[in-house]
mmCIF file of all heavy atoms, coordinates in Angstrom:
data_MODEL
# 
_entry.id   MODEL 
# 
loop_
_atom_site.group_PDB 
_atom_site.id 
_atom_site.type_symbol 
_atom_site.label_atom_id 
_atom_site.label_alt_id 
_atom_site.label_comp_id 
_atom_site.label_asym_id 
_atom_site.label_entity_id 
_atom_site.label_seq_id 
_atom_site.pdbx_PDB_ins_code 
_atom_site.Cartn_x 
_atom_site.Cartn_y 
_atom_site.Cartn_z 
_atom_site.occupancy 
_atom_site.B_iso_or_equiv 
_atom_site.pdbx_formal_charge 
_atom_site.auth_seq_id 
_atom_site.auth_comp_id 
_atom_site.auth_asym_id 
_atom_site.auth_atom_id 
_atom_site.pdbx_PDB_model_num 
ATOM 1   N N   . LEU A 1 1  ? 6.697  -3.664 1.401   1.00 0.00 ? 1  LEU A N   1 
ATOM 2   C CA  . LEU A 1 1  ? 6.589  -2.976 0.122   1.00 0.00 ? 1  LEU A CA  1 
ATOM 3   C C   . LEU A 1 1  ? 7.832  -2.141 -0.180  1.00 0.00 ? 1  LEU A C   1 
ATOM 4   O O   . LEU A 1 1  ? 8.417  -1.539 0.713   1.00 0.00 ? 1  LEU A O   1 
ATOM 5   C CB  . LEU A 1 1  ? 5.361  -2.063 0.118   1.00 0.00 ? 1  LEU A CB  1 
ATOM 6   C CG  . LEU A 1 1  ? 3.995  -2.733 0.275   1.00 0.00 ? 1  LEU A CG  1 
ATOM 7   C CD1 . LEU A 1 1  ? 2.895  -1.682 0.268   1.00 0.00 ? 1  LEU A CD1 1 
ATOM 8   C CD2 . LEU A 1 1  ? 3.747  -3.744 -0.838  1.00 0.00 ? 1  LEU A CD2 1 
ATOM 9   N N   . ASP A 1 2  ? 8.218  -2.139 -1.453  1.00 0.00 ? 2  ASP A N   1 
ATOM 10  C CA  . ASP A 1 2  ? 9.224  -1.202 -1.932  1.00 0.00 ? 2  ASP A CA  1 
ATOM 11  C C   . ASP A 1 2  ? 8.668  -0.556 -3.203  1.00 0.00 ? 2  ASP A C   1 
ATOM 12  O O   . ASP A 1 2  ? 7.543  -0.840 -3.619  1.00 0.00 ? 2  ASP A O   1 
ATOM 13  C CB  . ASP A 1 2  ? 10.575 -1.885 -2.184  1.00 0.00 ? 2  ASP A CB  1 
ATOM 14  C CG  . ASP A 1 2  ? 10.480 -3.040 -3.188  1.00 0.00 ? 2  ASP A CG  1 
ATOM 15  O OD1 . ASP A 1 2  ? 9.489  -3.087 -3.950  1.00 0.00 ? 2  ASP A OD1 1 
ATOM 16  O OD2 . ASP A 1 2  ? 11.385 -3.890 -3.195  1.00 0.00 ? 2  ASP A OD2 1 
ATOM 17  N N   . ALA A 1 3  ? 9.443  0.337  -3.816  1.00 0.00 ? 3  ALA A N   1 
ATOM 18  C CA  . ALA A 1 3  ? 8.943  1.081  -4.978  1.00 0.00 ? 3  ALA A CA  1 
ATOM 19  C C   . ALA A 1 3  ? 8.541  0.154  -6.117  1.00 0.00 ? 3  ALA A C   1 
ATOM 20  O O   . ALA A 1 3  ? 7.529  0.372  -6.790  1.00 0.00 ? 3  ALA A O   1 
ATOM 21  C CB  . ALA A 1 3  ? 10.017 2.070  -5.444  1.00 0.00 ? 3  ALA A CB  1 
ATOM 22  N N   . THR A 1 4  ? 9.324  -0.893 -6.328  1.00 0.00 ? 4  THR A N   1 
ATOM 23  C CA  . THR A 1 4  ? 9.027  -1.831 -7.419  1.00 0.00 ? 4  THR A CA  1 
ATOM 24  C C   . THR A 1 4  ? 7.720  -2.573 -7.172  1.00 0.00 ? 4  THR A C   1 
ATOM 25  O O   . THR A 1 4  ? 6.892  -2.727 -8.078  1.00 0.00 ? 4  THR A O   1 
ATOM 26  C CB  . THR A 1 4  ? 10.173 -2.853 -7.570  1.00 0.00 ? 4  THR A CB  1 
ATOM 27  O OG1 . THR A 1 4  ? 11.389 -2.144 -7.828  1.00 0.00 ? 4  THR A OG1 1 
ATOM 28  C CG2 . THR A 1 4  ? 9.898  -3.822 -8.704  1.00 0.00 ? 4  THR A CG2 1 
ATOM 29  N N   . MET A 1 5  ? 7.527  -3.027 -5.932  1.00 0.00 ? 5  MET A N   1 
ATOM 30  C CA  . MET A 1 5  ? 6.309  -3.755 -5.599  1.00 0.00 ? 5  MET A CA  1 
ATOM 31  C C   . MET A 1 5  ? 5.080  -2.849 -5.734  1.00 0.00 ? 5  MET A C   1 
ATOM 32  O O   . MET A 1 5  ? 4.041  -3.268 -6.260  1.00 0.00 ? 5  MET A O   1 
ATOM 33  C CB  . MET A 1 5  ? 6.407  -4.308 -4.180  1.00 0.00 ? 5  MET A CB  1 
ATOM 34  C CG  . MET A 1 5  ? 5.170  -5.066 -3.712  1.00 0.00 ? 5  MET A CG  1 
ATOM 35  S SD  . MET A 1 5  ? 4.818  -6.515 -4.728  1.00 0.00 ? 5  MET A SD  1 
ATOM 36  C CE  . MET A 1 5  ? 6.250  -7.524 -4.311  1.00 0.00 ? 5  MET A CE  1 
ATOM 37  N N   . ILE A 1 6  ? 5.191  -1.614 -5.278  1.00 0.00 ? 6  ILE A N   1 
ATOM 38  C CA  . ILE A 1 6  ? 4.066  -0.678 -5.366  1.00 0.00 ? 6  ILE A CA  1 
ATOM 39  C C   . ILE A 1 6  ? 3.711  -0.413 -6.825  1.00 0.00 ? 6  ILE A C   1 
ATOM 40  O O   . ILE A 1 6  ? 2.541  -0.387 -7.213  1.00 0.00 ? 6  ILE A O   1 
ATOM 41  C CB  . ILE A 1 6  ? 4.399  0.640  -4.632  1.00 0.00 ? 6  ILE A CB  1 
ATOM 42  C CG1 . ILE A 1 6  ? 4.517  0.384  -3.125  1.00 0.00 ? 6  ILE A CG1 1 
ATOM 43  C CG2 . ILE A 1 6  ? 3.334  1.698  -4.912  1.00 0.00 ? 6  ILE A CG2 1 
ATOM 44  C CD1 . ILE A 1 6  ? 5.073  1.548  -2.347  1.00 0.00 ? 6  ILE A CD1 1 
ATOM 45  N N   . LYS A 1 7  ? 4.743  -0.241 -7.660  1.00 0.00 ? 7  LYS A N   1 
ATOM 46  C CA  . LYS A 1 7  ? 4.506  -0.025 -9.085  1.00 0.00 ? 7  LYS A CA  1 
ATOM 47  C C   . LYS A 1 7  ? 3.803  -1.230 -9.699  1.00 0.00 ? 7  LYS A C   1 
ATOM 48  O O   . LYS A 1 7  ? 2.876  -1.095 -10.509 1.00 0.00 ? 7  LYS A O   1 
ATOM 49  C CB  . LYS A 1 7  ? 5.841  0.237  -9.794  1.00 0.00 ? 7  LYS A CB  1 
ATOM 50  C CG  . LYS A 1 7  ? 5.697  0.478  -11.297 1.00 0.00 ? 7  LYS A CG  1 
ATOM 51  C CD  . LYS A 1 7  ? 7.052  0.721  -11.942 1.00 0.00 ? 7  LYS A CD  1 
ATOM 52  C CE  . LYS A 1 7  ? 6.923  0.909  -13.444 1.00 0.00 ? 7  LYS A CE  1 
ATOM 53  N NZ  . LYS A 1 7  ? 8.240  1.096  -14.091 1.00 0.00 ? 7  LYS A NZ  1 
ATOM 54  N N   . MET A 1 8  ? 4.238  -2.437 -9.318  1.00 0.00 ? 8  MET A N   1 
ATOM 55  C CA  . MET A 1 8  ? 3.637  -3.661 -9.849  1.00 0.00 ? 8  MET A CA  1 
ATOM 56  C C   . MET A 1 8  ? 2.172  -3.767 -9.445  1.00 0.00 ? 8  MET A C   1 
ATOM 57  O O   . MET A 1 8  ? 1.307  -4.091 -10.258 1.00 0.00 ? 8  MET A O   1 
ATOM 58  C CB  . MET A 1 8  ? 4.428  -4.881 -9.362  1.00 0.00 ? 8  MET A CB  1 
ATOM 59  C CG  . MET A 1 8  ? 3.959  -6.212 -9.911  1.00 0.00 ? 8  MET A CG  1 
ATOM 60  S SD  . MET A 1 8  ? 2.695  -6.999 -8.882  1.00 0.00 ? 8  MET A SD  1 
ATOM 61  C CE  . MET A 1 8  ? 3.683  -7.502 -7.485  1.00 0.00 ? 8  MET A CE  1 
ATOM 62  N N   . LEU A 1 9  ? 1.864  -3.486 -8.171  1.00 0.00 ? 9  LEU A N   1 
ATOM 63  C CA  . LEU A 1 9  ? 0.480  -3.554 -7.704  1.00 0.00 ? 9  LEU A CA  1 
ATOM 64  C C   . LEU A 1 9  ? -0.394 -2.542 -8.440  1.00 0.00 ? 9  LEU A C   1 
ATOM 65  O O   . LEU A 1 9  ? -1.548 -2.813 -8.776  1.00 0.00 ? 9  LEU A O   1 
ATOM 66  C CB  . LEU A 1 9  ? 0.423  -3.301 -6.195  1.00 0.00 ? 9  LEU A CB  1 
ATOM 67  C CG  . LEU A 1 9  ? 1.048  -4.381 -5.298  1.00 0.00 ? 9  LEU A CG  1 
ATOM 68  C CD1 . LEU A 1 9  ? 1.094  -3.899 -3.854  1.00 0.00 ? 9  LEU A CD1 1 
ATOM 69  C CD2 . LEU A 1 9  ? 0.271  -5.688 -5.385  1.00 0.00 ? 9  LEU A CD2 1 
ATOM 70  N N   . THR A 1 10 ? 0.172  -1.365 -8.686  1.00 0.00 ? 10 THR A N   1 
ATOM 71  C CA  . THR A 1 10 ? -0.578 -0.306 -9.372  1.00 0.00 ? 10 THR A CA  1 
ATOM 72  C C   . THR A 1 10 ? -0.864 -0.682 -10.818 1.00 0.00 ? 10 THR A C   1 
ATOM 73  O O   . THR A 1 10 ? -1.992 -0.563 -11.290 1.00 0.00 ? 10 THR A O   1 
ATOM 74  C CB  . THR A 1 10 ? 0.206  1.019  -9.321  1.00 0.00 ? 10 THR A CB  1 
ATOM 75  O OG1 . THR A 1 10 ? 0.459  1.370  -7.954  1.00 0.00 ? 10 THR A OG1 1 
ATOM 76  C CG2 . THR A 1 10 ? -0.574 2.139  -9.993  1.00 0.00 ? 10 THR A CG2 1 
ATOM 77  N N   . THR A 1 11 ? 0.184  -1.164 -11.530 1.00 0.00 ? 11 THR A N   1 
ATOM 78  C CA  . THR A 1 11 ? 0.004  -1.503 -12.948 1.00 0.00 ? 11 THR A CA  1 
ATOM 79  C C   . THR A 1 11 ? -0.906 -2.705 -13.133 1.00 0.00 ? 11 THR A C   1 
ATOM 80  O O   . THR A 1 11 ? -1.524 -2.867 -14.183 1.00 0.00 ? 11 THR A O   1 
ATOM 81  C CB  . THR A 1 11 ? 1.369  -1.793 -13.620 1.00 0.00 ? 11 THR A CB  1 
ATOM 82  O OG1 . THR A 1 11 ? 2.038  -2.836 -12.895 1.00 0.00 ? 11 THR A OG1 1 
ATOM 83  C CG2 . THR A 1 11 ? 2.239  -0.561 -13.619 1.00 0.00 ? 11 THR A CG2 1 
ATOM 84  N N   . ARG A 1 12 ? -1.017 -3.546 -12.105 1.00 0.00 ? 12 ARG A N   1 
ATOM 85  C CA  . ARG A 1 12 ? -1.893 -4.710 -12.203 1.00 0.00 ? 12 ARG A CA  1 
ATOM 86  C C   . ARG A 1 12 ? -3.292 -4.411 -11.663 1.00 0.00 ? 12 ARG A C   1 
ATOM 87  O O   . ARG A 1 12 ? -4.106 -5.297 -11.482 1.00 0.00 ? 12 ARG A O   1 
ATOM 88  C CB  . ARG A 1 12 ? -1.284 -5.893 -11.456 1.00 0.00 ? 12 ARG A CB  1 
ATOM 89  C CG  . ARG A 1 12 ? -0.005 -6.383 -12.118 1.00 0.00 ? 12 ARG A CG  1 
ATOM 90  C CD  . ARG A 1 12 ? 0.552  -7.592 -11.435 1.00 0.00 ? 12 ARG A CD  1 
ATOM 91  N NE  . ARG A 1 12 ? 1.742  -8.074 -12.126 1.00 0.00 ? 12 ARG A NE  1 
ATOM 92  C CZ  . ARG A 1 12 ? 2.392  -9.187 -11.831 1.00 0.00 ? 12 ARG A CZ  1 
ATOM 93  N NH1 . ARG A 1 12 ? 1.955  -9.943 -10.842 1.00 0.00 ? 12 ARG A NH1 1 
ATOM 94  N NH2 . ARG A 1 12 ? 3.465  -9.555 -12.480 1.00 0.00 ? 12 ARG A NH2 1 
ATOM 95  N N   . ASN A 1 13 ? -3.532 -3.131 -11.405 1.00 0.00 ? 13 ASN A N   1 
ATOM 96  C CA  . ASN A 1 13 ? -4.869 -2.661 -11.009 1.00 0.00 ? 13 ASN A CA  1 
ATOM 97  C C   . ASN A 1 13 ? -5.401 -3.315 -9.738  1.00 0.00 ? 13 ASN A C   1 
ATOM 98  O O   . ASN A 1 13 ? -6.599 -3.589 -9.616  1.00 0.00 ? 13 ASN A O   1 
ATOM 99  C CB  . ASN A 1 13 ? -5.873 -2.857 -12.159 1.00 0.00 ? 13 ASN A CB  1 
ATOM 100 C CG  . ASN A 1 13 ? -5.499 -2.068 -13.399 1.00 0.00 ? 13 ASN A CG  1 
ATOM 101 O OD1 . ASN A 1 13 ? -5.134 -0.893 -13.299 1.00 0.00 ? 13 ASN A OD1 1 
ATOM 102 N ND2 . ASN A 1 13 ? -5.549 -2.701 -14.548 1.00 0.00 ? 13 ASN A ND2 1 
ATOM 103 N N   . VAL A 1 14 ? -4.510 -3.573 -8.786  1.00 0.00 ? 14 VAL A N   1 
ATOM 104 C CA  . VAL A 1 14 ? -4.964 -4.019 -7.462  1.00 0.00 ? 14 VAL A CA  1 
ATOM 105 C C   . VAL A 1 14 ? -5.558 -2.786 -6.771  1.00 0.00 ? 14 VAL A C   1 
ATOM 106 O O   . VAL A 1 14 ? -4.860 -1.793 -6.561  1.00 0.00 ? 14 VAL A O   1 
ATOM 107 C CB  . VAL A 1 14 ? -3.794 -4.586 -6.638  1.00 0.00 ? 14 VAL A CB  1 
ATOM 108 C CG1 . VAL A 1 14 ? -4.246 -4.928 -5.233  1.00 0.00 ? 14 VAL A CG1 1 
ATOM 109 C CG2 . VAL A 1 14 ? -3.209 -5.812 -7.320  1.00 0.00 ? 14 VAL A CG2 1 
ATOM 110 N N   . PRO A 1 15 ? -6.846 -2.809 -6.426  1.00 0.00 ? 15 PRO A N   1 
ATOM 111 C CA  . PRO A 1 15 ? -7.487 -1.586 -5.910  1.00 0.00 ? 15 PRO A CA  1 
ATOM 112 C C   . PRO A 1 15 ? -7.055 -1.198 -4.507  1.00 0.00 ? 15 PRO A C   1 
ATOM 113 O O   . PRO A 1 15 ? -6.853 -0.012 -4.206  1.00 0.00 ? 15 PRO A O   1 
ATOM 114 C CB  . PRO A 1 15 ? -8.983 -1.921 -5.952  1.00 0.00 ? 15 PRO A CB  1 
ATOM 115 C CG  . PRO A 1 15 ? -9.027 -3.417 -5.860  1.00 0.00 ? 15 PRO A CG  1 
ATOM 116 C CD  . PRO A 1 15 ? -7.799 -3.916 -6.556  1.00 0.00 ? 15 PRO A CD  1 
ATOM 117 N N   . SER A 1 16 ? -6.938 -2.179 -3.631  1.00 0.00 ? 16 SER A N   1 
ATOM 118 C CA  . SER A 1 16 ? -6.610 -1.868 -2.235  1.00 0.00 ? 16 SER A CA  1 
ATOM 119 C C   . SER A 1 16 ? -5.776 -2.998 -1.637  1.00 0.00 ? 16 SER A C   1 
ATOM 120 O O   . SER A 1 16 ? -5.754 -4.112 -2.149  1.00 0.00 ? 16 SER A O   1 
ATOM 121 C CB  . SER A 1 16 ? -7.883 -1.674 -1.405  1.00 0.00 ? 16 SER A CB  1 
ATOM 122 O OG  . SER A 1 16 ? -8.662 -2.861 -1.421  1.00 0.00 ? 16 SER A OG  1 
ATOM 123 N N   . ILE A 1 17 ? -5.085 -2.680 -0.550  1.00 0.00 ? 17 ILE A N   1 
ATOM 124 C CA  . ILE A 1 17 ? -4.269 -3.672 0.142   1.00 0.00 ? 17 ILE A CA  1 
ATOM 125 C C   . ILE A 1 17 ? -4.496 -3.548 1.646   1.00 0.00 ? 17 ILE A C   1 
ATOM 126 O O   . ILE A 1 17 ? -4.939 -2.516 2.132   1.00 0.00 ? 17 ILE A O   1 
ATOM 127 C CB  . ILE A 1 17 ? -2.764 -3.488 -0.162  1.00 0.00 ? 17 ILE A CB  1 
ATOM 128 C CG1 . ILE A 1 17 ? -2.331 -2.042 0.140   1.00 0.00 ? 17 ILE A CG1 1 
ATOM 129 C CG2 . ILE A 1 17 ? -2.437 -3.888 -1.582  1.00 0.00 ? 17 ILE A CG2 1 
ATOM 130 C CD1 . ILE A 1 17 ? -0.841 -1.820 -0.009  1.00 0.00 ? 17 ILE A CD1 1 
ATOM 131 N N   . GLU A 1 18 ? -4.185 -4.634 2.342   1.00 0.00 ? 18 GLU A N   1 
ATOM 132 C CA  . GLU A 1 18 ? -4.318 -4.643 3.793   1.00 0.00 ? 18 GLU A CA  1 
ATOM 133 C C   . GLU A 1 18 ? -2.919 -4.622 4.395   1.00 0.00 ? 18 GLU A C   1 
ATOM 134 O O   . GLU A 1 18 ? -2.065 -5.444 4.040   1.00 0.00 ? 18 GLU A O   1 
ATOM 135 C CB  . GLU A 1 18 ? -5.064 -5.904 4.235   1.00 0.00 ? 18 GLU A CB  1 
ATOM 136 C CG  . GLU A 1 18 ? -5.499 -5.866 5.696   1.00 0.00 ? 18 GLU A CG  1 
ATOM 137 C CD  . GLU A 1 18 ? -6.411 -7.038 6.037   1.00 0.00 ? 18 GLU A CD  1 
ATOM 138 O OE1 . GLU A 1 18 ? -7.158 -7.491 5.135   1.00 0.00 ? 18 GLU A OE1 1 
ATOM 139 O OE2 . GLU A 1 18 ? -6.379 -7.492 7.187   1.00 0.00 ? 18 GLU A OE2 1 
ATOM 140 N N   . ILE A 1 19 ? -2.673 -3.653 5.279   1.00 0.00 ? 19 ILE A N   1 
ATOM 141 C CA  . ILE A 1 19 ? -1.330 -3.488 5.814   1.00 0.00 ? 19 ILE A CA  1 
ATOM 142 C C   . ILE A 1 19 ? -1.336 -3.541 7.337   1.00 0.00 ? 19 ILE A C   1 
ATOM 143 O O   . ILE A 1 19 ? -2.374 -3.349 7.989   1.00 0.00 ? 19 ILE A O   1 
ATOM 144 C CB  . ILE A 1 19 ? -0.701 -2.155 5.366   1.00 0.00 ? 19 ILE A CB  1 
ATOM 145 C CG1 . ILE A 1 19 ? -1.535 -0.969 5.886   1.00 0.00 ? 19 ILE A CG1 1 
ATOM 146 C CG2 . ILE A 1 19 ? -0.545 -2.098 3.856   1.00 0.00 ? 19 ILE A CG2 1 
ATOM 147 C CD1 . ILE A 1 19 ? -0.846 0.363  5.745   1.00 0.00 ? 19 ILE A CD1 1 
ATOM 148 N N   . LEU A 1 20 ? -0.153 -3.788 7.895   1.00 0.00 ? 20 LEU A N   1 
ATOM 149 C CA  . LEU A 1 20 ? 0.051  -3.785 9.347   1.00 0.00 ? 20 LEU A CA  1 
ATOM 150 C C   . LEU A 1 20 ? 0.773  -2.503 9.754   1.00 0.00 ? 20 LEU A C   1 
ATOM 151 O O   . LEU A 1 20 ? 1.596  -1.977 9.010   1.00 0.00 ? 20 LEU A O   1 
ATOM 152 C CB  . LEU A 1 20 ? 0.915  -4.981 9.771   1.00 0.00 ? 20 LEU A CB  1 
ATOM 153 C CG  . LEU A 1 20 ? 0.321  -6.377 9.632   1.00 0.00 ? 20 LEU A CG  1 
ATOM 154 C CD1 . LEU A 1 20 ? 1.393  -7.411 9.918   1.00 0.00 ? 20 LEU A CD1 1 
ATOM 155 C CD2 . LEU A 1 20 ? -0.840 -6.559 10.597  1.00 0.00 ? 20 LEU A CD2 1 
ATOM 156 N N   . SER A 1 21 ? 0.482  -2.031 10.948  1.00 0.00 ? 21 SER A N   1 
ATOM 157 C CA  . SER A 1 21 ? 1.195  -0.872 11.469  1.00 0.00 ? 21 SER A CA  1 
ATOM 158 C C   . SER A 1 21 ? 1.249  -0.952 12.993  1.00 0.00 ? 21 SER A C   1 
ATOM 159 O O   . SER A 1 21 ? 0.259  -1.326 13.637  1.00 0.00 ? 21 SER A O   1 
ATOM 160 C CB  . SER A 1 21 ? 0.498  0.436  11.051  1.00 0.00 ? 21 SER A CB  1 
ATOM 161 O OG  . SER A 1 21 ? 1.160  1.549  11.607  1.00 0.00 ? 21 SER A OG  1 
ATOM 162 N N   . VAL A 1 22 ? 2.409  -0.621 13.554  1.00 0.00 ? 22 VAL A N   1 
ATOM 163 C CA  . VAL A 1 22 ? 2.534  -0.648 15.016  1.00 0.00 ? 22 VAL A CA  1 
ATOM 164 C C   . VAL A 1 22 ? 1.954  0.614  15.646  1.00 0.00 ? 22 VAL A C   1 
ATOM 165 O O   . VAL A 1 22 ? 1.723  0.674  16.846  1.00 0.00 ? 22 VAL A O   1 
ATOM 166 C CB  . VAL A 1 22 ? 4.014  -0.801 15.449  1.00 0.00 ? 22 VAL A CB  1 
ATOM 167 C CG1 . VAL A 1 22 ? 4.562  -2.144 15.010  1.00 0.00 ? 22 VAL A CG1 1 
ATOM 168 C CG2 . VAL A 1 22 ? 4.874  0.319  14.871  1.00 0.00 ? 22 VAL A CG2 1 
ATOM 169 N N   . THR A 1 23 ? 1.722  1.629  14.819  1.00 0.00 ? 23 THR A N   1 
ATOM 170 C CA  . THR A 1 23 ? 1.138  2.875  15.317  1.00 0.00 ? 23 THR A CA  1 
ATOM 171 C C   . THR A 1 23 ? -0.108 3.217  14.512  1.00 0.00 ? 23 THR A C   1 
ATOM 172 O O   . THR A 1 23 ? -0.334 2.689  13.419  1.00 0.00 ? 23 THR A O   1 
ATOM 173 C CB  . THR A 1 23 ? 2.140  4.039  15.209  1.00 0.00 ? 23 THR A CB  1 
ATOM 174 O OG1 . THR A 1 23 ? 2.527  4.192  13.831  1.00 0.00 ? 23 THR A OG1 1 
ATOM 175 C CG2 . THR A 1 23 ? 3.378  3.773  16.045  1.00 0.00 ? 23 THR A CG2 1 
ATOM 176 N N   . GLU A 1 24 ? -0.899 4.125  15.043  1.00 0.00 ? 24 GLU A N   1 
ATOM 177 C CA  . GLU A 1 24 ? -2.118 4.538  14.351  1.00 0.00 ? 24 GLU A CA  1 
ATOM 178 C C   . GLU A 1 24 ? -1.766 5.433  13.178  1.00 0.00 ? 24 GLU A C   1 
ATOM 179 O O   . GLU A 1 24 ? -0.946 6.352  13.291  1.00 0.00 ? 24 GLU A O   1 
ATOM 180 C CB  . GLU A 1 24 ? -3.036 5.285  15.314  1.00 0.00 ? 24 GLU A CB  1 
ATOM 181 C CG  . GLU A 1 24 ? -4.409 5.566  14.743  1.00 0.00 ? 24 GLU A CG  1 
ATOM 182 C CD  . GLU A 1 24 ? -5.362 6.127  15.789  1.00 0.00 ? 24 GLU A CD  1 
ATOM 183 O OE1 . GLU A 1 24 ? -4.936 6.292  16.944  1.00 0.00 ? 24 GLU A OE1 1 
ATOM 184 O OE2 . GLU A 1 24 ? -6.517 6.405  15.428  1.00 0.00 ? 24 GLU A OE2 1 
ATOM 185 N N   . ILE A 1 25 ? -2.377 5.167  12.022  1.00 0.00 ? 25 ILE A N   1 
ATOM 186 C CA  . ILE A 1 25 ? -2.140 5.971  10.825  1.00 0.00 ? 25 ILE A CA  1 
ATOM 187 C C   . ILE A 1 25 ? -3.186 7.068  10.744  1.00 0.00 ? 25 ILE A C   1 
ATOM 188 O O   . ILE A 1 25 ? -4.383 6.809  10.819  1.00 0.00 ? 25 ILE A O   1 
ATOM 189 C CB  . ILE A 1 25 ? -2.188 5.085  9.554   1.00 0.00 ? 25 ILE A CB  1 
ATOM 190 C CG1 . ILE A 1 25 ? -1.029 4.091  9.563   1.00 0.00 ? 25 ILE A CG1 1 
ATOM 191 C CG2 . ILE A 1 25 ? -2.134 5.940  8.297   1.00 0.00 ? 25 ILE A CG2 1 
ATOM 192 C CD1 . ILE A 1 25 ? -1.021 3.144  8.387   1.00 0.00 ? 25 ILE A CD1 1 
ATOM 193 N N   . THR A 1 26 ? -2.718 8.302  10.574  1.00 0.00 ? 26 THR A N   1 
ATOM 194 C CA  . THR A 1 26 ? -3.651 9.440  10.543  1.00 0.00 ? 26 THR A CA  1 
ATOM 195 C C   . THR A 1 26 ? -3.471 10.321 9.309   1.00 0.00 ? 26 THR A C   1 
ATOM 196 O O   . THR A 1 26 ? -4.271 11.221 9.078   1.00 0.00 ? 26 THR A O   1 
ATOM 197 C CB  . THR A 1 26 ? -3.461 10.319 11.794  1.00 0.00 ? 26 THR A CB  1 
ATOM 198 O OG1 . THR A 1 26 ? -2.091 10.781 11.829  1.00 0.00 ? 26 THR A OG1 1 
ATOM 199 C CG2 . THR A 1 26 ? -3.769 9.545  13.061  1.00 0.00 ? 26 THR A CG2 1 
ATOM 200 N N   . ASP A 1 27 ? -2.422 10.056 8.522   1.00 0.00 ? 27 ASP A N   1 
ATOM 201 C CA  . ASP A 1 27 ? -2.116 10.977 7.423   1.00 0.00 ? 27 ASP A CA  1 
ATOM 202 C C   . ASP A 1 27 ? -2.664 10.546 6.070   1.00 0.00 ? 27 ASP A C   1 
ATOM 203 O O   . ASP A 1 27 ? -2.519 11.259 5.078   1.00 0.00 ? 27 ASP A O   1 
ATOM 204 C CB  . ASP A 1 27 ? -0.594 11.186 7.311   1.00 0.00 ? 27 ASP A CB  1 
ATOM 205 C CG  . ASP A 1 27 ? 0.157  9.872  7.119   1.00 0.00 ? 27 ASP A CG  1 
ATOM 206 O OD1 . ASP A 1 27 ? -0.414 8.829  7.452   1.00 0.00 ? 27 ASP A OD1 1 
ATOM 207 O OD2 . ASP A 1 27 ? 1.310  9.911  6.645   1.00 0.00 ? 27 ASP A OD2 1 
ATOM 208 N N   . ILE A 1 28 ? -3.293 9.347  5.964   1.00 0.00 ? 28 ILE A N   1 
ATOM 209 C CA  . ILE A 1 28 ? -3.887 8.909  4.708   1.00 0.00 ? 28 ILE A CA  1 
ATOM 210 C C   . ILE A 1 28 ? -5.247 8.280  4.996   1.00 0.00 ? 28 ILE A C   1 
ATOM 211 O O   . ILE A 1 28 ? -5.481 7.792  6.105   1.00 0.00 ? 28 ILE A O   1 
ATOM 212 C CB  . ILE A 1 28 ? -2.988 7.894  3.969   1.00 0.00 ? 28 ILE A CB  1 
ATOM 213 C CG1 . ILE A 1 28 ? -2.730 6.653  4.845   1.00 0.00 ? 28 ILE A CG1 1 
ATOM 214 C CG2 . ILE A 1 28 ? -1.678 8.515  3.530   1.00 0.00 ? 28 ILE A CG2 1 
ATOM 215 C CD1 . ILE A 1 28 ? -1.962 5.569  4.126   1.00 0.00 ? 28 ILE A CD1 1 
ATOM 216 N N   . PRO A 1 29 ? -6.155 8.268  3.993   1.00 0.00 ? 29 PRO A N   1 
ATOM 217 C CA  . PRO A 1 29 ? -7.473 7.647  4.199   1.00 0.00 ? 29 PRO A CA  1 
ATOM 218 C C   . PRO A 1 29 ? -7.322 6.141  4.415   1.00 0.00 ? 29 PRO A C   1 
ATOM 219 O O   . PRO A 1 29 ? -6.672 5.465  3.628   1.00 0.00 ? 29 PRO A O   1 
ATOM 220 C CB  . PRO A 1 29 ? -8.218 7.951  2.890   1.00 0.00 ? 29 PRO A CB  1 
ATOM 221 C CG  . PRO A 1 29 ? -7.451 9.051  2.240   1.00 0.00 ? 29 PRO A CG  1 
ATOM 222 C CD  . PRO A 1 29 ? -6.030 8.896  2.666   1.00 0.00 ? 29 PRO A CD  1 
# 
């Protein structure tokens, strides 16, 4: 993801996305 892609997903009303992470995420729901 970059800023343009995030903006596109938001404007197209994509509610949620599935992401990969090598570490545990604790700072966002």
